């Protein structure tokens, strides 16, 4: 049993190292040719600061390469818990809208290869910041307009412009 647990831990560590290398490698490839840096802050129980928006043709490398159906939009965001209790952030609640008004959900498989930690469900303690990259797969030629951040699946969204 302990050998199995040890093997799983080693595998998770290897995936983390590869993901970190791939994230740095993709940044060095110039995938951000169309990148625009935005700093916007929106506040609810969590504070969201979009620090950078970029497009990419792929994320990851080797066996971990993910290709979009259209194009990837990577939204770099800092999420701060400004409350007094732990709060769970889930990338699956977040939505990107393009300039045509279409809504897109996050691509959790692509997020696994660009983030140091799992952001599909991440706990943030009061006063702490989660740095994450949300990944959206939108059609080629579509222009991102804004991200709507949600604390819960049915909570009202907080709009942050990324255009």
C-alpha atoms as a PDB file:
ATOM      1  CA  UNK A   1       0.000   0.000   0.000  1.00  0.00           C
ATOM      2  CA  UNK A   2       2.746   2.479   0.948  1.00  0.00           C
ATOM      3  CA  UNK A   3       4.553   1.738  -2.317  1.00  0.00           C
ATOM      4  CA  UNK A   4       1.410   2.714  -4.236  1.00  0.00           C
ATOM      5  CA  UNK A   5       1.062   5.967  -2.289  1.00  0.00           C
ATOM      6  CA  UNK A   6       4.750   6.704  -2.866  1.00  0.00           C
ATOM      7  CA  UNK A   7       4.415   6.043  -6.601  1.00  0.00           C
ATOM      8  CA  UNK A   8       1.398   8.353  -6.831  1.00  0.00           C
ATOM      9  CA  UNK A   9       3.256  11.129  -4.985  1.00  0.00           C
ATOM     10  CA  UNK A  10       6.273  10.787  -7.276  1.00  0.00           C
ATOM     11  CA  UNK A  11       4.009  10.892 -10.342  1.00  0.00           C
ATOM     12  CA  UNK A  12       2.258  14.043  -9.076  1.00  0.00           C
ATOM     13  CA  UNK A  13       5.612  15.701  -8.381  1.00  0.00           C
ATOM     14  CA  UNK A  14       6.830  14.823 -11.887  1.00  0.00           C
ATOM     15  CA  UNK A  15       3.673  16.274 -13.451  1.00  0.00           C
ATOM     16  CA  UNK A  16       4.173  19.475 -11.427  1.00  0.00           C
ATOM     17  CA  UNK A  17       7.788  19.821 -12.554  1.00  0.00           C
ATOM     18  CA  UNK A  18       6.836  19.169 -16.186  1.00  0.00           C
ATOM     19  CA  UNK A  19       3.936  21.634 -16.017  1.00  0.00           C
ATOM     20  CA  UNK A  20       6.228  24.324 -14.560  1.00  0.00           C
ATOM     21  CA  UNK A  21       8.805  23.682 -17.278  1.00  0.00           C
ATOM     22  CA  UNK A  22       6.111  23.736 -19.980  1.00  0.00           C
ATOM     23  CA  UNK A  23       4.650  26.995 -18.679  1.00  0.00           C
ATOM     24  CA  UNK A  24       8.086  28.636 -18.803  1.00  0.00           C
ATOM     25  CA  UNK A  25       8.784  27.045 -22.186  1.00  0.00           C
ATOM     26  CA  UNK A  26       5.521  28.333 -23.688  1.00  0.00           C
ATOM     27  CA  UNK A  27       6.208  31.827 -22.382  1.00  0.00           C
ATOM     28  CA  UNK A  28       9.617  31.728 -24.036  1.00  0.00           C
ATOM     29  CA  UNK A  29       8.124  30.603 -27.376  1.00  0.00           C
ATOM     30  CA  UNK A  30       6.445  33.927 -27.891  1.00  0.00           C
ATOM     31  CA  UNK A  31       2.907  32.542 -27.721  1.00  0.00           C
ATOM     32  CA  UNK A  32       1.986  35.943 -26.354  1.00  0.00           C
ATOM     33  CA  UNK A  33       2.557  37.676 -29.684  1.00  0.00           C
ATOM     34  CA  UNK A  34      -0.987  39.035 -29.424  1.00  0.00           C
ATOM     35  CA  UNK A  35      -0.658  39.577 -25.662  1.00  0.00           C
ATOM     36  CA  UNK A  36      -2.105  42.628 -24.054  1.00  0.00           C
ATOM     37  CA  UNK A  37      -1.558  43.400 -20.394  1.00  0.00           C
ATOM     38  CA  UNK A  38      -4.588  44.508 -18.419  1.00  0.00           C
ATOM     39  CA  UNK A  39      -4.851  45.372 -14.779  1.00  0.00           C
ATOM     40  CA  UNK A  40      -8.429  45.530 -13.577  1.00  0.00           C
ATOM     41  CA  UNK A  41      -9.783  44.868 -10.123  1.00  0.00           C
ATOM     42  CA  UNK A  42     -13.236  43.651  -9.226  1.00  0.00           C
ATOM     43  CA  UNK A  43     -14.389  43.107  -5.688  1.00  0.00           C
ATOM     44  CA  UNK A  44     -16.912  40.830  -3.984  1.00  0.00           C
ATOM     45  CA  UNK A  45     -15.948  38.389  -1.166  1.00  0.00           C
ATOM     46  CA  UNK A  46     -12.958  37.669  -3.336  1.00  0.00           C
ATOM     47  CA  UNK A  47     -10.941  40.310  -5.168  1.00  0.00           C
ATOM     48  CA  UNK A  48      -9.929  39.510  -8.756  1.00  0.00           C
ATOM     49  CA  UNK A  49      -7.088  41.277 -10.518  1.00  0.00           C
ATOM     50  CA  UNK A  50      -6.498  40.367 -14.161  1.00  0.00           C
ATOM     51  CA  UNK A  51      -2.809  41.007 -14.752  1.00  0.00           C
ATOM     52  CA  UNK A  52      -2.327  39.709 -18.287  1.00  0.00           C
ATOM     53  CA  UNK A  53      -4.295  38.295 -21.217  1.00  0.00           C
ATOM     54  CA  UNK A  54      -2.661  36.362 -24.041  1.00  0.00           C
ATOM     55  CA  UNK A  55      -3.502  33.897 -26.806  1.00  0.00           C
ATOM     56  CA  UNK A  56      -1.764  30.600 -27.523  1.00  0.00           C
ATOM     57  CA  UNK A  57      -1.964  27.956 -30.225  1.00  0.00           C
ATOM     58  CA  UNK A  58      -1.084  25.208 -27.706  1.00  0.00           C
ATOM     59  CA  UNK A  59      -0.249  24.800 -24.036  1.00  0.00           C
ATOM     60  CA  UNK A  60       2.022  22.195 -22.508  1.00  0.00           C
ATOM     61  CA  UNK A  61       4.598  20.079 -24.256  1.00  0.00           C
ATOM     62  CA  UNK A  62       5.061  16.467 -25.319  1.00  0.00           C
ATOM     63  CA  UNK A  63       2.440  14.131 -23.899  1.00  0.00           C
ATOM     64  CA  UNK A  64       0.954  17.035 -21.954  1.00  0.00           C
ATOM     65  CA  UNK A  65       0.332  19.220 -25.023  1.00  0.00           C
ATOM     66  CA  UNK A  66      -3.221  20.522 -25.298  1.00  0.00           C
ATOM     67  CA  UNK A  67      -4.541  21.970 -28.542  1.00  0.00           C
ATOM     68  CA  UNK A  68      -7.630  24.159 -28.746  1.00  0.00           C
ATOM     69  CA  UNK A  69     -10.526  23.701 -31.116  1.00  0.00           C
ATOM     70  CA  UNK A  70      -9.991  27.375 -32.001  1.00  0.00           C
ATOM     71  CA  UNK A  71      -7.496  29.427 -29.980  1.00  0.00           C
ATOM     72  CA  UNK A  72      -6.596  29.465 -26.305  1.00  0.00           C
ATOM     73  CA  UNK A  73      -7.050  32.677 -24.336  1.00  0.00           C
ATOM     74  CA  UNK A  74      -4.986  32.647 -21.142  1.00  0.00           C
ATOM     75  CA  UNK A  75      -6.231  35.013 -18.446  1.00  0.00           C
ATOM     76  CA  UNK A  76      -3.667  35.529 -15.672  1.00  0.00           C
ATOM     77  CA  UNK A  77      -5.411  36.523 -12.464  1.00  0.00           C
ATOM     78  CA  UNK A  78      -4.629  37.136  -8.813  1.00  0.00           C
ATOM     79  CA  UNK A  79      -7.504  36.169  -6.508  1.00  0.00           C
ATOM     80  CA  UNK A  80      -7.370  37.582  -2.984  1.00  0.00           C
ATOM     81  CA  UNK A  81      -9.590  36.400  -0.144  1.00  0.00           C
ATOM     82  CA  UNK A  82     -10.539  39.706   1.493  1.00  0.00           C
ATOM     83  CA  UNK A  83     -12.923  38.016   3.933  1.00  0.00           C
ATOM     84  CA  UNK A  84     -12.496  36.488   7.367  1.00  0.00           C
ATOM     85  CA  UNK A  85     -13.125  32.832   6.454  1.00  0.00           C
ATOM     86  CA  UNK A  86     -11.572  30.365   3.993  1.00  0.00           C
ATOM     87  CA  UNK A  87     -13.152  30.515   0.554  1.00  0.00           C
ATOM     88  CA  UNK A  88     -13.083  28.066  -2.333  1.00  0.00           C
ATOM     89  CA  UNK A  89     -12.301  29.352  -5.827  1.00  0.00           C
ATOM     90  CA  UNK A  90     -13.418  27.204  -8.739  1.00  0.00           C
ATOM     91  CA  UNK A  91     -12.328  27.885 -12.307  1.00  0.00           C
ATOM     92  CA  UNK A  92     -15.396  26.010 -13.526  1.00  0.00           C
ATOM     93  CA  UNK A  93     -17.603  28.933 -12.370  1.00  0.00           C
ATOM     94  CA  UNK A  94     -15.732  31.524 -14.459  1.00  0.00           C
ATOM     95  CA  UNK A  95     -16.887  32.687 -17.893  1.00  0.00           C
ATOM     96  CA  UNK A  96     -15.203  34.591 -20.714  1.00  0.00           C
ATOM     97  CA  UNK A  97     -17.340  36.588 -23.150  1.00  0.00           C
ATOM     98  CA  UNK A  98     -16.201  37.682 -26.592  1.00  0.00           C
ATOM     99  CA  UNK A  99     -17.086  40.909 -28.379  1.00  0.00           C
ATOM    100  CA  UNK A 100     -19.949  39.057 -30.146  1.00  0.00           C
ATOM    101  CA  UNK A 101     -21.534  38.308 -26.739  1.00  0.00           C
ATOM    102  CA  UNK A 102     -20.774  34.575 -26.765  1.00  0.00           C
ATOM    103  CA  UNK A 103     -20.048  32.838 -23.441  1.00  0.00           C
ATOM    104  CA  UNK A 104     -17.141  30.401 -22.926  1.00  0.00           C
ATOM    105  CA  UNK A 105     -16.311  28.133 -19.989  1.00  0.00           C
ATOM    106  CA  UNK A 106     -12.816  27.411 -18.714  1.00  0.00           C
ATOM    107  CA  UNK A 107     -10.838  24.461 -20.133  1.00  0.00           C
ATOM    108  CA  UNK A 108      -9.820  22.589 -16.986  1.00  0.00           C
ATOM    109  CA  UNK A 109      -7.601  20.095 -18.854  1.00  0.00           C
ATOM    110  CA  UNK A 110      -5.531  22.931 -20.351  1.00  0.00           C
ATOM    111  CA  UNK A 111      -5.388  24.642 -16.945  1.00  0.00           C
ATOM    112  CA  UNK A 112      -3.744  21.554 -15.467  1.00  0.00           C
ATOM    113  CA  UNK A 113      -0.628  22.053 -17.614  1.00  0.00           C
ATOM    114  CA  UNK A 114      -0.265  25.819 -17.093  1.00  0.00           C
ATOM    115  CA  UNK A 115      -0.821  26.140 -13.337  1.00  0.00           C
ATOM    116  CA  UNK A 116       1.368  25.086 -10.418  1.00  0.00           C
ATOM    117  CA  UNK A 117      -1.677  24.003  -8.466  1.00  0.00           C
ATOM    118  CA  UNK A 118      -5.114  22.663  -9.156  1.00  0.00           C
ATOM    119  CA  UNK A 119      -7.456  25.625  -9.690  1.00  0.00           C
ATOM    120  CA  UNK A 120     -10.591  23.725 -10.583  1.00  0.00           C
ATOM    121  CA  UNK A 121     -11.229  23.804  -6.822  1.00  0.00           C
ATOM    122  CA  UNK A 122      -8.691  25.756  -4.764  1.00  0.00           C
ATOM    123  CA  UNK A 123      -9.127  26.886  -1.168  1.00  0.00           C
ATOM    124  CA  UNK A 124      -7.917  30.392  -0.307  1.00  0.00           C
ATOM    125  CA  UNK A 125      -7.500  31.405   3.326  1.00  0.00           C
ATOM    126  CA  UNK A 126      -8.275  34.980   4.493  1.00  0.00           C
ATOM    127  CA  UNK A 127      -5.630  37.450   3.368  1.00  0.00           C
ATOM    128  CA  UNK A 128      -4.008  34.942   0.974  1.00  0.00           C
ATOM    129  CA  UNK A 129      -3.664  35.282  -2.799  1.00  0.00           C
ATOM    130  CA  UNK A 130      -4.097  32.563  -5.413  1.00  0.00           C
ATOM    131  CA  UNK A 131      -2.181  33.271  -8.642  1.00  0.00           C
ATOM    132  CA  UNK A 132      -3.765  31.361 -11.473  1.00  0.00           C
ATOM    133  CA  UNK A 133      -4.114  31.210 -15.229  1.00  0.00           C
ATOM    134  CA  UNK A 134      -7.603  30.555 -16.545  1.00  0.00           C
ATOM    135  CA  UNK A 135      -7.659  28.989 -20.009  1.00  0.00           C
ATOM    136  CA  UNK A 136     -10.544  29.434 -22.430  1.00  0.00           C
ATOM    137  CA  UNK A 137     -10.914  27.820 -25.874  1.00  0.00           C
ATOM    138  CA  UNK A 138     -12.603  30.317 -28.199  1.00  0.00           C
ATOM    139  CA  UNK A 139     -13.031  30.345 -32.007  1.00  0.00           C
ATOM    140  CA  UNK A 140     -10.180  31.582 -34.198  1.00  0.00           C
ATOM    141  CA  UNK A 141     -10.656  35.272 -34.913  1.00  0.00           C
ATOM    142  CA  UNK A 142     -12.878  35.861 -31.855  1.00  0.00           C
ATOM    143  CA  UNK A 143     -11.891  38.748 -29.595  1.00  0.00           C
ATOM    144  CA  UNK A 144     -12.206  38.407 -25.813  1.00  0.00           C
ATOM    145  CA  UNK A 145     -14.228  41.215 -24.214  1.00  0.00           C
ATOM    146  CA  UNK A 146     -14.579  40.468 -20.491  1.00  0.00           C
ATOM    147  CA  UNK A 147     -14.395  37.769 -17.856  1.00  0.00           C
ATOM    148  CA  UNK A 148     -17.270  37.275 -15.465  1.00  0.00           C
ATOM    149  CA  UNK A 149     -16.005  35.944 -12.130  1.00  0.00           C
ATOM    150  CA  UNK A 150     -18.367  33.980  -9.915  1.00  0.00           C
ATOM    151  CA  UNK A 151     -17.814  32.908  -6.330  1.00  0.00           C
ATOM    152  CA  UNK A 152     -20.362  30.117  -6.713  1.00  0.00           C
ATOM    153  CA  UNK A 153     -22.134  28.581  -9.683  1.00  0.00           C
ATOM    154  CA  UNK A 154     -25.316  30.567  -9.050  1.00  0.00           C
ATOM    155  CA  UNK A 155     -23.802  33.769  -7.627  1.00  0.00           C
ATOM    156  CA  UNK A 156     -24.053  37.059  -9.497  1.00  0.00           C
ATOM    157  CA  UNK A 157     -20.926  37.635 -11.552  1.00  0.00           C
ATOM    158  CA  UNK A 158     -18.331  40.361 -11.255  1.00  0.00           C
ATOM    159  CA  UNK A 159     -17.327  41.653 -14.689  1.00  0.00           C
ATOM    160  CA  UNK A 160     -13.671  42.447 -15.458  1.00  0.00           C
ATOM    161  CA  UNK A 161     -12.900  43.885 -18.902  1.00  0.00           C
ATOM    162  CA  UNK A 162     -10.053  42.223 -20.812  1.00  0.00           C
ATOM    163  CA  UNK A 163     -10.529  43.910 -24.209  1.00  0.00           C
END
